[in-house]
């Protein structure tokens, strides 16, 4: 899942990136109108746009028009502007949702998932062979067995089952778990392997990382 975040407040932008990373969403951050416009010129293949209206060098409404012109791409507007006419204007320009600042990050996450589900981009279950991961309940189903996972294990399994056979570098997985400790990653992988019916499906690739494959 790829999300473009257009927000000039650095702290807020980074907080949004972090909460999305916890759900294994890939993000690209833009901090001004010029940077965002460049990214849109290069690529409009994003699953969702998080768009602030007030940028230091331009209007987010212009970016909203540009994104919507490209097609029915999910757009979530975030703004400190509580003016009713501005809110209605964004809906006239076909924004999908509007969140007034300040907001709680869990609310942002819930609205994000709702928009992605509506667009057919977010699945409540990730299925690969006999493995069925239900992230929201923290459950991994293997045949007729239900396994409870920790939050770290859910993040790992979301990555592995979303892209099986891929070798995930250790540094990538450490970023996913929000840790700079190689030992923490090794411990989380060890705990996860103990819960799998066949621990050999999660393979350590020497000097590269980990791969989930049969």
N, C-alpha and C. Protein backbone atom coordinates (compact mmCIF):
# COMPACT_ATOMS: atom_id res chain seq x y z
N UNK A 1 0.85 -1.18 0.00
CA UNK A 1 0.00 0.00 0.00
C UNK A 1 0.89 1.24 0.00
N UNK A 2 0.69 2.14 -0.98
CA UNK A 2 1.55 3.31 -1.12
C UNK A 2 0.73 4.59 -0.89
N UNK A 3 1.21 5.42 0.03
CA UNK A 3 0.48 6.64 0.40
C UNK A 3 1.41 7.85 0.27
N UNK A 4 0.93 8.88 -0.42
CA UNK A 4 1.68 10.13 -0.54
C UNK A 4 1.15 11.10 0.50
N UNK A 5 2.05 11.56 1.39
CA UNK A 5 1.67 12.47 2.47
C UNK A 5 2.17 13.87 2.12
N UNK A 6 1.25 14.80 1.99
CA UNK A 6 1.60 16.19 1.66
C UNK A 6 1.22 17.05 2.86
N UNK A 7 2.21 17.37 3.68
CA UNK A 7 1.98 18.08 4.95
C UNK A 7 3.26 18.82 5.31
N UNK A 8 3.17 20.15 5.51
CA UNK A 8 4.38 20.95 5.75
C UNK A 8 4.85 20.90 7.20
N UNK A 9 4.00 20.51 8.13
CA UNK A 9 4.42 20.37 9.52
C UNK A 9 5.27 19.10 9.65
N UNK A 10 6.57 19.27 9.86
CA UNK A 10 7.49 18.14 9.84
C UNK A 10 7.15 17.11 10.91
N UNK A 11 6.87 17.57 12.12
CA UNK A 11 6.56 16.64 13.21
C UNK A 11 5.29 15.84 12.91
N UNK A 12 4.26 16.50 12.41
CA UNK A 12 3.02 15.81 12.09
C UNK A 12 3.22 14.84 10.92
N UNK A 13 3.95 15.29 9.91
CA UNK A 13 4.23 14.43 8.76
C UNK A 13 4.94 13.15 9.21
N UNK A 14 5.93 13.31 10.06
CA UNK A 14 6.67 12.14 10.54
C UNK A 14 5.81 11.23 11.42
N UNK A 15 4.92 11.83 12.20
CA UNK A 15 4.02 11.03 13.04
C UNK A 15 3.06 10.20 12.17
N UNK A 16 2.58 10.81 11.09
CA UNK A 16 1.70 10.09 10.16
C UNK A 16 2.46 8.97 9.48
N UNK A 17 3.70 9.25 9.07
CA UNK A 17 4.52 8.20 8.46
C UNK A 17 4.69 7.02 9.41
N UNK A 18 4.91 7.33 10.68
CA UNK A 18 5.17 6.28 11.66
C UNK A 18 3.93 5.40 11.87
N UNK A 19 2.75 6.02 11.97
CA UNK A 19 1.54 5.23 12.20
C UNK A 19 1.20 4.39 10.98
N UNK A 20 1.48 4.90 9.79
CA UNK A 20 1.26 4.11 8.58
C UNK A 20 2.26 2.96 8.49
N UNK A 21 3.50 3.23 8.87
CA UNK A 21 4.52 2.17 8.84
C UNK A 21 4.15 1.03 9.77
N UNK A 22 3.46 1.34 10.87
CA UNK A 22 3.05 0.30 11.82
C UNK A 22 2.04 -0.66 11.19
N UNK A 23 1.40 -0.23 10.10
CA UNK A 23 0.46 -1.09 9.38
C UNK A 23 1.06 -1.56 8.06
N UNK A 24 2.37 -1.40 7.93
CA UNK A 24 3.08 -1.89 6.75
C UNK A 24 2.70 -1.13 5.48
N UNK A 25 2.30 0.15 5.63
CA UNK A 25 2.02 0.98 4.47
C UNK A 25 3.31 1.70 4.07
N UNK A 26 3.56 1.75 2.78
CA UNK A 26 4.71 2.48 2.26
C UNK A 26 4.32 3.94 2.06
N UNK A 27 5.19 4.86 2.47
CA UNK A 27 4.85 6.28 2.37
C UNK A 27 5.95 7.07 1.67
N UNK A 28 5.53 8.19 1.09
CA UNK A 28 6.44 9.19 0.55
C UNK A 28 6.00 10.53 1.13
N UNK A 29 6.93 11.27 1.71
CA UNK A 29 6.59 12.52 2.37
C UNK A 29 6.94 13.72 1.49
N UNK A 30 6.00 14.67 1.41
CA UNK A 30 6.24 15.96 0.77
C UNK A 30 5.95 17.05 1.80
N UNK A 31 6.78 18.08 1.81
CA UNK A 31 6.65 19.11 2.84
C UNK A 31 6.26 20.48 2.28
N UNK A 32 6.09 20.57 0.95
CA UNK A 32 5.66 21.83 0.35
C UNK A 32 4.97 21.56 -1.00
N UNK A 33 4.39 22.62 -1.56
CA UNK A 33 3.62 22.49 -2.80
C UNK A 33 4.53 22.07 -3.96
N UNK A 34 5.70 22.69 -4.06
CA UNK A 34 6.61 22.40 -5.17
C UNK A 34 7.03 20.94 -5.18
N UNK A 35 7.39 20.43 -4.02
CA UNK A 35 7.80 19.02 -3.92
C UNK A 35 6.66 18.09 -4.27
N UNK A 36 5.46 18.41 -3.77
CA UNK A 36 4.29 17.57 -4.05
C UNK A 36 3.94 17.60 -5.53
N UNK A 37 3.98 18.77 -6.13
CA UNK A 37 3.66 18.89 -7.55
C UNK A 37 4.65 18.09 -8.40
N UNK A 38 5.91 18.11 -8.00
CA UNK A 38 6.93 17.32 -8.71
C UNK A 38 6.61 15.83 -8.61
N UNK A 39 6.28 15.37 -7.41
CA UNK A 39 5.97 13.95 -7.22
C UNK A 39 4.76 13.54 -8.06
N UNK A 40 3.76 14.41 -8.13
CA UNK A 40 2.56 14.11 -8.91
C UNK A 40 2.88 14.07 -10.40
N UNK A 41 3.80 14.91 -10.84
CA UNK A 41 4.21 14.88 -12.26
C UNK A 41 4.96 13.59 -12.59
N UNK A 42 5.69 13.07 -11.59
CA UNK A 42 6.47 11.86 -11.83
C UNK A 42 5.62 10.60 -11.76
N UNK A 43 4.63 10.61 -10.86
CA UNK A 43 3.91 9.36 -10.59
C UNK A 43 2.59 9.66 -9.90
N UNK A 44 1.51 9.12 -10.47
CA UNK A 44 0.21 9.23 -9.83
C UNK A 44 -0.31 7.86 -9.40
N UNK A 45 0.58 6.88 -9.39
CA UNK A 45 0.18 5.51 -9.03
C UNK A 45 0.30 5.31 -7.52
N UNK A 46 -0.49 6.07 -6.78
CA UNK A 46 -0.54 5.94 -5.32
C UNK A 46 -1.88 5.36 -4.92
N UNK A 47 -1.91 4.69 -3.80
CA UNK A 47 -3.17 4.10 -3.34
C UNK A 47 -4.03 5.11 -2.60
N UNK A 48 -3.38 6.15 -2.02
CA UNK A 48 -4.13 7.17 -1.29
C UNK A 48 -3.25 8.40 -1.13
N UNK A 49 -3.91 9.57 -1.10
CA UNK A 49 -3.21 10.84 -0.88
C UNK A 49 -3.72 11.46 0.42
N UNK A 50 -2.78 11.86 1.28
CA UNK A 50 -3.12 12.63 2.48
C UNK A 50 -2.65 14.05 2.20
N UNK A 51 -3.59 14.99 2.16
CA UNK A 51 -3.30 16.32 1.61
C UNK A 51 -3.67 17.44 2.58
N UNK A 52 -2.67 18.23 2.95
CA UNK A 52 -2.91 19.45 3.74
C UNK A 52 -3.26 20.57 2.77
N UNK A 53 -4.22 21.41 3.14
CA UNK A 53 -4.64 22.49 2.24
C UNK A 53 -3.69 23.67 2.25
N UNK A 54 -3.09 23.96 3.42
CA UNK A 54 -2.27 25.16 3.55
C UNK A 54 -0.79 24.80 3.53
N UNK A 55 -0.16 25.05 2.38
CA UNK A 55 1.26 24.78 2.20
C UNK A 55 2.00 26.09 2.06
N UNK A 56 3.27 26.14 2.43
CA UNK A 56 3.98 27.42 2.47
C UNK A 56 4.15 28.09 1.12
N UNK A 57 4.06 27.33 0.02
CA UNK A 57 4.32 27.90 -1.30
C UNK A 57 3.21 27.66 -2.30
N UNK A 58 2.02 27.31 -1.82
CA UNK A 58 0.92 27.09 -2.76
C UNK A 58 -0.30 26.51 -2.06
N UNK A 59 -1.36 26.36 -2.83
CA UNK A 59 -2.63 25.88 -2.27
C UNK A 59 -2.80 24.39 -2.50
N UNK A 60 -3.23 23.72 -1.44
CA UNK A 60 -3.53 22.31 -1.56
C UNK A 60 -4.72 22.04 -2.46
N UNK A 61 -5.60 23.04 -2.61
CA UNK A 61 -6.75 22.88 -3.49
C UNK A 61 -6.32 22.65 -4.94
N UNK A 62 -5.24 23.32 -5.34
CA UNK A 62 -4.73 23.12 -6.70
C UNK A 62 -4.22 21.69 -6.88
N UNK A 63 -3.58 21.17 -5.85
CA UNK A 63 -3.11 19.77 -5.91
C UNK A 63 -4.30 18.81 -5.92
N UNK A 64 -5.33 19.16 -5.15
CA UNK A 64 -6.55 18.33 -5.13
C UNK A 64 -7.15 18.24 -6.53
N UNK A 65 -7.23 19.37 -7.21
CA UNK A 65 -7.75 19.38 -8.58
C UNK A 65 -6.91 18.49 -9.49
N UNK A 66 -5.60 18.59 -9.35
CA UNK A 66 -4.69 17.83 -10.21
C UNK A 66 -4.83 16.33 -9.98
N UNK A 67 -4.92 15.94 -8.72
CA UNK A 67 -5.05 14.52 -8.39
C UNK A 67 -6.39 13.99 -8.92
N UNK A 68 -7.47 14.75 -8.67
CA UNK A 68 -8.78 14.28 -9.08
C UNK A 68 -8.89 14.20 -10.60
N UNK A 69 -8.22 15.08 -11.30
CA UNK A 69 -8.24 15.04 -12.77
C UNK A 69 -7.64 13.75 -13.30
N UNK A 70 -6.73 13.15 -12.52
CA UNK A 70 -6.07 11.91 -12.95
C UNK A 70 -6.96 10.70 -12.79
N UNK A 71 -8.03 10.81 -11.98
CA UNK A 71 -8.91 9.66 -11.82
C UNK A 71 -9.48 9.55 -10.41
N UNK A 72 -10.21 8.48 -10.14
CA UNK A 72 -10.88 8.30 -8.84
C UNK A 72 -9.94 7.77 -7.77
N UNK A 73 -8.90 8.55 -7.47
CA UNK A 73 -7.91 8.14 -6.49
C UNK A 73 -8.33 8.64 -5.10
N UNK A 74 -8.26 7.82 -4.05
CA UNK A 74 -8.69 8.24 -2.72
C UNK A 74 -7.87 9.43 -2.20
N UNK A 75 -8.58 10.47 -1.77
CA UNK A 75 -7.93 11.68 -1.26
C UNK A 75 -8.50 12.01 0.11
N UNK A 76 -7.62 12.07 1.10
CA UNK A 76 -8.00 12.43 2.47
C UNK A 76 -7.39 13.78 2.80
N UNK A 77 -8.23 14.79 2.96
CA UNK A 77 -7.76 16.15 3.25
C UNK A 77 -7.62 16.32 4.75
N UNK A 78 -6.49 16.92 5.17
CA UNK A 78 -6.30 17.28 6.59
C UNK A 78 -6.02 18.77 6.64
N UNK A 79 -6.68 19.49 7.53
CA UNK A 79 -6.51 20.94 7.54
C UNK A 79 -6.91 21.54 8.88
N UNK A 80 -6.25 22.64 9.23
CA UNK A 80 -6.61 23.39 10.43
C UNK A 80 -7.72 24.39 10.12
N UNK A 81 -8.14 24.45 8.87
CA UNK A 81 -9.22 25.35 8.46
C UNK A 81 -10.57 24.72 8.81
N UNK A 82 -11.28 25.33 9.75
CA UNK A 82 -12.56 24.81 10.19
C UNK A 82 -13.73 25.54 9.52
N UNK A 83 -13.41 26.38 8.54
CA UNK A 83 -14.44 27.16 7.85
C UNK A 83 -15.31 26.24 7.00
N UNK A 84 -16.60 26.37 7.19
CA UNK A 84 -17.53 25.48 6.49
C UNK A 84 -17.42 25.60 4.98
N UNK A 85 -17.23 26.82 4.48
CA UNK A 85 -17.15 27.00 3.03
C UNK A 85 -15.93 26.30 2.44
N UNK A 86 -14.82 26.28 3.20
CA UNK A 86 -13.62 25.60 2.73
C UNK A 86 -13.83 24.09 2.71
N UNK A 87 -14.45 23.58 3.76
CA UNK A 87 -14.72 22.15 3.83
C UNK A 87 -15.63 21.73 2.67
N UNK A 88 -16.69 22.52 2.42
CA UNK A 88 -17.61 22.20 1.33
C UNK A 88 -16.90 22.30 -0.02
N UNK A 89 -15.96 23.24 -0.12
CA UNK A 89 -15.22 23.39 -1.37
C UNK A 89 -14.42 22.14 -1.69
N UNK A 90 -13.80 21.54 -0.67
CA UNK A 90 -13.00 20.33 -0.91
C UNK A 90 -13.89 19.19 -1.39
N UNK A 91 -15.11 19.11 -0.84
CA UNK A 91 -16.03 18.07 -1.30
C UNK A 91 -16.54 18.37 -2.71
N UNK A 92 -16.70 19.66 -3.04
CA UNK A 92 -17.07 20.03 -4.41
C UNK A 92 -16.00 19.58 -5.40
N UNK A 93 -14.75 19.62 -4.93
CA UNK A 93 -13.63 19.19 -5.78
C UNK A 93 -13.41 17.68 -5.69
N UNK A 94 -14.32 17.00 -5.00
CA UNK A 94 -14.37 15.54 -4.92
C UNK A 94 -13.29 14.92 -4.05
N UNK A 95 -12.94 15.62 -2.96
CA UNK A 95 -12.15 14.95 -1.92
C UNK A 95 -13.02 13.87 -1.30
N UNK A 96 -12.42 12.79 -0.82
CA UNK A 96 -13.19 11.68 -0.27
C UNK A 96 -13.51 11.86 1.20
N UNK A 97 -12.65 12.57 1.94
CA UNK A 97 -12.92 12.79 3.36
C UNK A 97 -12.10 13.99 3.81
N UNK A 98 -12.49 14.57 4.95
CA UNK A 98 -11.86 15.78 5.47
C UNK A 98 -11.71 15.62 6.98
N UNK A 99 -10.49 15.82 7.48
CA UNK A 99 -10.23 15.75 8.92
C UNK A 99 -9.71 17.11 9.39
N UNK A 100 -10.37 17.65 10.41
CA UNK A 100 -9.93 18.93 10.96
C UNK A 100 -8.82 18.72 11.98
N UNK A 101 -7.79 19.54 11.90
CA UNK A 101 -6.72 19.51 12.89
C UNK A 101 -7.16 20.28 14.13
N UNK A 102 -6.71 19.89 15.31
CA UNK A 102 -5.88 18.70 15.56
C UNK A 102 -6.74 17.44 15.55
N UNK A 103 -6.14 16.33 15.19
CA UNK A 103 -6.87 15.07 15.16
C UNK A 103 -6.02 13.99 15.81
N UNK A 104 -6.66 12.89 16.16
CA UNK A 104 -5.96 11.76 16.76
C UNK A 104 -5.51 10.81 15.65
N UNK A 105 -4.31 10.30 15.78
CA UNK A 105 -3.76 9.42 14.75
C UNK A 105 -4.59 8.14 14.55
N UNK A 106 -5.16 7.53 15.62
CA UNK A 106 -6.01 6.36 15.38
C UNK A 106 -7.23 6.69 14.51
N UNK A 107 -7.75 7.93 14.63
CA UNK A 107 -8.88 8.34 13.78
C UNK A 107 -8.41 8.45 12.34
N UNK A 108 -7.24 9.02 12.14
CA UNK A 108 -6.67 9.10 10.79
C UNK A 108 -6.51 7.70 10.20
N UNK A 109 -6.01 6.77 11.01
CA UNK A 109 -5.79 5.41 10.54
C UNK A 109 -7.12 4.74 10.18
N UNK A 110 -8.13 4.94 10.99
CA UNK A 110 -9.44 4.34 10.74
C UNK A 110 -10.05 4.89 9.45
N UNK A 111 -9.95 6.19 9.25
CA UNK A 111 -10.48 6.80 8.03
C UNK A 111 -9.68 6.33 6.81
N UNK A 112 -8.38 6.19 6.97
CA UNK A 112 -7.53 5.71 5.88
C UNK A 112 -7.96 4.31 5.44
N UNK A 113 -8.13 3.42 6.40
CA UNK A 113 -8.52 2.05 6.08
C UNK A 113 -9.91 2.02 5.43
N UNK A 114 -10.81 2.88 5.92
CA UNK A 114 -12.16 2.92 5.36
C UNK A 114 -12.12 3.34 3.89
N UNK A 115 -11.31 4.36 3.58
CA UNK A 115 -11.19 4.82 2.20
C UNK A 115 -10.56 3.75 1.31
N UNK A 116 -9.55 3.08 1.84
CA UNK A 116 -8.88 2.04 1.06
C UNK A 116 -9.80 0.85 0.83
N UNK A 117 -10.60 0.50 1.83
CA UNK A 117 -11.57 -0.59 1.65
C UNK A 117 -12.59 -0.22 0.57
N UNK A 118 -13.08 1.03 0.64
CA UNK A 118 -14.07 1.49 -0.32
C UNK A 118 -13.52 1.45 -1.74
N UNK A 119 -12.21 1.71 -1.85
CA UNK A 119 -11.58 1.70 -3.16
C UNK A 119 -11.13 0.30 -3.58
N UNK A 120 -11.39 -0.69 -2.72
CA UNK A 120 -11.00 -2.06 -3.02
C UNK A 120 -9.52 -2.31 -2.92
N UNK A 121 -8.82 -1.47 -2.13
CA UNK A 121 -7.37 -1.58 -2.03
C UNK A 121 -6.90 -2.19 -0.71
N UNK A 122 -7.78 -2.25 0.27
CA UNK A 122 -7.37 -2.76 1.59
C UNK A 122 -8.19 -3.99 1.92
N UNK A 123 -7.53 -5.05 2.27
CA UNK A 123 -8.20 -6.31 2.61
C UNK A 123 -8.11 -6.56 4.11
N UNK A 124 -9.23 -7.00 4.66
CA UNK A 124 -9.24 -7.31 6.09
C UNK A 124 -8.51 -8.62 6.38
N UNK A 125 -8.31 -9.43 5.31
CA UNK A 125 -7.55 -10.68 5.44
C UNK A 125 -6.48 -10.73 4.36
N UNK A 126 -5.34 -11.30 4.72
CA UNK A 126 -4.27 -11.55 3.75
C UNK A 126 -4.11 -13.07 3.66
N UNK A 127 -4.30 -13.61 2.47
CA UNK A 127 -4.31 -15.06 2.31
C UNK A 127 -3.19 -15.50 1.38
N UNK A 128 -2.45 -16.48 1.83
CA UNK A 128 -1.42 -17.10 1.00
C UNK A 128 -1.32 -18.58 1.36
N UNK A 129 -1.67 -19.42 0.38
CA UNK A 129 -1.73 -20.86 0.62
C UNK A 129 -2.62 -21.14 1.85
N UNK A 130 -2.12 -21.89 2.83
CA UNK A 130 -2.96 -22.21 3.98
C UNK A 130 -2.90 -21.14 5.07
N UNK A 131 -2.17 -20.05 4.83
CA UNK A 131 -2.02 -19.00 5.83
C UNK A 131 -3.04 -17.89 5.59
N UNK A 132 -3.80 -17.55 6.64
CA UNK A 132 -4.77 -16.47 6.58
C UNK A 132 -4.50 -15.53 7.74
N UNK A 133 -4.06 -14.31 7.43
CA UNK A 133 -3.76 -13.32 8.47
C UNK A 133 -4.91 -12.33 8.57
N UNK A 134 -5.39 -12.13 9.79
CA UNK A 134 -6.44 -11.13 10.06
C UNK A 134 -5.79 -10.06 10.95
N UNK A 135 -5.21 -9.02 10.35
CA UNK A 135 -4.43 -8.05 11.13
C UNK A 135 -5.20 -7.37 12.25
N UNK A 136 -6.46 -7.03 12.00
CA UNK A 136 -7.21 -6.26 12.99
C UNK A 136 -7.50 -7.06 14.25
N UNK A 137 -7.60 -8.38 14.14
CA UNK A 137 -7.82 -9.21 15.33
C UNK A 137 -6.52 -9.82 15.84
N UNK A 138 -5.42 -9.63 15.08
CA UNK A 138 -4.15 -10.19 15.51
C UNK A 138 -4.09 -11.69 15.46
N UNK A 139 -4.82 -12.27 14.48
CA UNK A 139 -4.92 -13.72 14.40
C UNK A 139 -4.33 -14.24 13.08
N UNK A 140 -3.56 -15.30 13.19
CA UNK A 140 -3.06 -16.02 12.02
C UNK A 140 -3.71 -17.39 12.01
N UNK A 141 -4.43 -17.68 10.92
CA UNK A 141 -5.09 -18.98 10.78
C UNK A 141 -4.25 -19.87 9.88
N UNK A 142 -3.91 -21.05 10.38
CA UNK A 142 -3.18 -22.04 9.59
C UNK A 142 -4.00 -23.31 9.62
N UNK A 143 -4.65 -23.59 8.48
CA UNK A 143 -5.59 -24.71 8.39
C UNK A 143 -6.69 -24.53 9.44
N UNK A 144 -6.81 -25.40 10.43
CA UNK A 144 -7.89 -25.27 11.42
C UNK A 144 -7.37 -24.71 12.75
N UNK A 145 -6.20 -24.10 12.72
CA UNK A 145 -5.57 -23.61 13.95
C UNK A 145 -5.51 -22.08 13.94
N UNK A 146 -5.93 -21.46 15.05
CA UNK A 146 -5.85 -20.01 15.21
C UNK A 146 -4.69 -19.65 16.13
N UNK A 147 -3.83 -18.76 15.67
CA UNK A 147 -2.64 -18.37 16.43
C UNK A 147 -2.72 -16.88 16.74
N UNK A 148 -2.57 -16.54 18.01
CA UNK A 148 -2.57 -15.13 18.41
C UNK A 148 -1.17 -14.55 18.24
N UNK A 149 -1.11 -13.39 17.59
CA UNK A 149 0.18 -12.75 17.31
C UNK A 149 0.31 -11.44 18.08
N UNK A 150 1.55 -11.09 18.41
CA UNK A 150 1.82 -9.78 19.00
C UNK A 150 1.77 -8.73 17.89
N UNK A 151 1.80 -7.45 18.26
CA UNK A 151 1.74 -6.39 17.26
C UNK A 151 2.95 -6.45 16.32
N UNK A 152 4.12 -6.77 16.86
CA UNK A 152 5.32 -6.88 16.02
C UNK A 152 5.20 -8.05 15.05
N UNK A 153 4.65 -9.16 15.55
CA UNK A 153 4.49 -10.34 14.69
C UNK A 153 3.47 -10.10 13.59
N UNK A 154 2.44 -9.30 13.89
CA UNK A 154 1.46 -8.95 12.86
C UNK A 154 2.13 -8.16 11.74
N UNK A 155 2.94 -7.17 12.11
CA UNK A 155 3.64 -6.37 11.09
C UNK A 155 4.52 -7.24 10.22
N UNK A 156 5.24 -8.15 10.85
CA UNK A 156 6.12 -9.03 10.08
C UNK A 156 5.33 -9.92 9.13
N UNK A 157 4.25 -10.52 9.63
CA UNK A 157 3.47 -11.42 8.79
C UNK A 157 2.74 -10.67 7.68
N UNK A 158 2.32 -9.45 7.93
CA UNK A 158 1.72 -8.64 6.87
C UNK A 158 2.71 -8.46 5.72
N UNK A 159 3.94 -8.17 6.06
CA UNK A 159 4.97 -8.00 5.03
C UNK A 159 5.25 -9.30 4.31
N UNK A 160 5.45 -10.37 5.06
CA UNK A 160 5.82 -11.66 4.45
C UNK A 160 4.70 -12.21 3.56
N UNK A 161 3.46 -12.15 4.03
CA UNK A 161 2.35 -12.73 3.27
C UNK A 161 1.93 -11.84 2.10
N UNK A 162 2.19 -10.54 2.20
CA UNK A 162 1.85 -9.64 1.10
C UNK A 162 2.82 -9.78 -0.06
N UNK A 163 4.02 -10.25 0.23
CA UNK A 163 5.02 -10.39 -0.83
C UNK A 163 5.87 -11.63 -0.58
N UNK A 164 5.24 -12.84 -0.63
CA UNK A 164 5.98 -14.08 -0.36
C UNK A 164 7.08 -14.29 -1.40
N UNK A 165 8.13 -14.97 -0.95
CA UNK A 165 9.31 -15.27 -1.77
C UNK A 165 10.27 -14.10 -1.93
N UNK A 166 9.85 -12.91 -1.47
CA UNK A 166 10.76 -11.76 -1.50
C UNK A 166 11.74 -11.85 -0.34
N UNK A 167 12.98 -11.48 -0.57
CA UNK A 167 13.96 -11.39 0.51
C UNK A 167 13.87 -9.99 1.12
N UNK A 168 13.46 -9.93 2.38
CA UNK A 168 13.35 -8.66 3.09
C UNK A 168 14.65 -8.38 3.83
N UNK A 169 15.35 -7.29 3.50
CA UNK A 169 16.59 -6.96 4.21
C UNK A 169 16.34 -6.74 5.70
N UNK A 170 17.32 -7.07 6.50
CA UNK A 170 17.18 -6.91 7.95
C UNK A 170 16.90 -5.44 8.31
N UNK A 171 17.57 -4.53 7.64
CA UNK A 171 17.36 -3.11 7.95
C UNK A 171 15.93 -2.69 7.64
N UNK A 172 15.35 -3.24 6.57
CA UNK A 172 13.96 -2.93 6.20
C UNK A 172 13.01 -3.41 7.29
N UNK A 173 13.25 -4.61 7.77
CA UNK A 173 12.39 -5.18 8.81
C UNK A 173 12.57 -4.46 10.14
N UNK A 174 13.78 -4.02 10.41
CA UNK A 174 14.02 -3.24 11.64
C UNK A 174 13.25 -1.92 11.59
N UNK A 175 13.24 -1.28 10.43
CA UNK A 175 12.46 -0.05 10.28
C UNK A 175 10.97 -0.33 10.45
N UNK A 176 10.53 -1.46 9.95
CA UNK A 176 9.13 -1.84 10.08
C UNK A 176 8.73 -1.97 11.55
N UNK A 177 9.65 -2.47 12.37
CA UNK A 177 9.40 -2.66 13.79
C UNK A 177 9.78 -1.44 14.64
N UNK A 178 10.20 -0.38 13.97
CA UNK A 178 10.60 0.85 14.66
C UNK A 178 11.70 0.60 15.69
N UNK A 179 12.72 -0.15 15.27
CA UNK A 179 13.85 -0.41 16.15
C UNK A 179 15.15 -0.31 15.36
N UNK A 180 16.20 0.06 16.04
CA UNK A 180 17.53 0.06 15.40
C UNK A 180 18.38 -1.07 15.97
N UNK A 181 17.72 -1.99 16.66
CA UNK A 181 18.43 -3.10 17.30
C UNK A 181 18.30 -4.36 16.46
N UNK A 182 19.42 -4.87 15.99
CA UNK A 182 19.43 -6.12 15.24
C UNK A 182 19.00 -7.28 16.14
N UNK A 183 19.35 -7.19 17.42
CA UNK A 183 18.99 -8.23 18.37
C UNK A 183 17.47 -8.31 18.58
N UNK A 184 16.82 -7.16 18.59
CA UNK A 184 15.36 -7.14 18.74
C UNK A 184 14.70 -7.85 17.56
N UNK A 185 15.17 -7.55 16.34
CA UNK A 185 14.62 -8.22 15.16
C UNK A 185 14.82 -9.73 15.25
N UNK A 186 16.02 -10.15 15.60
CA UNK A 186 16.30 -11.59 15.71
C UNK A 186 15.36 -12.25 16.72
N UNK A 187 15.12 -11.57 17.83
CA UNK A 187 14.23 -12.11 18.86
C UNK A 187 12.79 -12.21 18.36
N UNK A 188 12.32 -11.18 17.66
CA UNK A 188 10.94 -11.19 17.14
C UNK A 188 10.77 -12.29 16.09
N UNK A 189 11.76 -12.48 15.25
CA UNK A 189 11.70 -13.53 14.23
C UNK A 189 11.68 -14.91 14.92
N UNK A 190 12.50 -15.06 15.93
CA UNK A 190 12.55 -16.32 16.67
C UNK A 190 11.20 -16.65 17.30
N UNK A 191 10.58 -15.65 17.93
CA UNK A 191 9.27 -15.85 18.56
C UNK A 191 8.22 -16.21 17.52
N UNK A 192 8.28 -15.54 16.36
CA UNK A 192 7.30 -15.81 15.31
C UNK A 192 7.46 -17.22 14.75
N UNK A 193 8.68 -17.64 14.52
CA UNK A 193 8.93 -18.98 13.97
C UNK A 193 8.40 -20.07 14.90
N UNK A 194 8.46 -19.84 16.21
CA UNK A 194 7.97 -20.83 17.17
C UNK A 194 6.46 -21.03 17.05
N UNK A 195 5.75 -20.00 16.53
CA UNK A 195 4.30 -20.08 16.44
C UNK A 195 3.82 -20.71 15.14
N UNK A 196 4.70 -20.80 14.16
CA UNK A 196 4.30 -21.32 12.86
C UNK A 196 4.28 -22.85 12.87
N UNK A 197 3.37 -23.40 12.09
CA UNK A 197 3.28 -24.87 12.03
C UNK A 197 4.53 -25.46 11.40
N UNK A 198 5.13 -24.71 10.50
CA UNK A 198 6.37 -25.13 9.84
C UNK A 198 7.35 -23.97 9.88
N UNK A 199 8.21 -23.93 10.89
CA UNK A 199 9.13 -22.79 11.03
C UNK A 199 10.09 -22.63 9.86
N UNK A 200 10.23 -23.67 9.05
CA UNK A 200 11.14 -23.59 7.91
C UNK A 200 10.62 -22.72 6.79
N UNK A 201 9.33 -22.31 6.86
CA UNK A 201 8.82 -21.42 5.81
C UNK A 201 9.43 -20.03 5.93
N UNK A 202 9.90 -19.69 7.13
CA UNK A 202 10.54 -18.40 7.36
C UNK A 202 12.04 -18.63 7.40
N UNK A 203 12.68 -18.32 6.29
CA UNK A 203 14.08 -18.66 6.13
C UNK A 203 14.99 -17.45 6.31
N UNK A 204 16.11 -17.68 6.97
CA UNK A 204 17.15 -16.67 7.09
C UNK A 204 18.09 -16.80 5.89
N UNK A 205 18.23 -15.72 5.14
CA UNK A 205 19.12 -15.70 3.98
C UNK A 205 20.41 -15.00 4.39
N UNK A 206 21.48 -15.73 4.44
CA UNK A 206 22.73 -15.23 5.00
C UNK A 206 23.18 -13.91 4.37
N UNK A 207 23.44 -12.94 5.23
CA UNK A 207 23.94 -11.61 4.87
C UNK A 207 22.93 -10.79 4.05
N UNK A 208 21.67 -11.29 3.97
CA UNK A 208 20.67 -10.56 3.19
C UNK A 208 19.43 -10.21 4.02
N UNK A 209 18.81 -11.21 4.65
CA UNK A 209 17.61 -10.93 5.41
C UNK A 209 16.77 -12.18 5.59
N UNK A 210 15.45 -12.04 5.40
CA UNK A 210 14.53 -13.15 5.61
C UNK A 210 13.58 -13.28 4.42
N UNK A 211 13.17 -14.52 4.18
CA UNK A 211 12.22 -14.80 3.10
C UNK A 211 11.18 -15.79 3.61
N UNK A 212 9.90 -15.52 3.29
CA UNK A 212 8.81 -16.41 3.64
C UNK A 212 8.40 -17.17 2.39
N UNK A 213 8.64 -18.46 2.39
CA UNK A 213 8.32 -19.27 1.20
C UNK A 213 8.22 -20.73 1.58
N UNK A 214 7.48 -21.48 0.78
CA UNK A 214 7.33 -22.91 1.01
C UNK A 214 8.55 -23.65 0.48
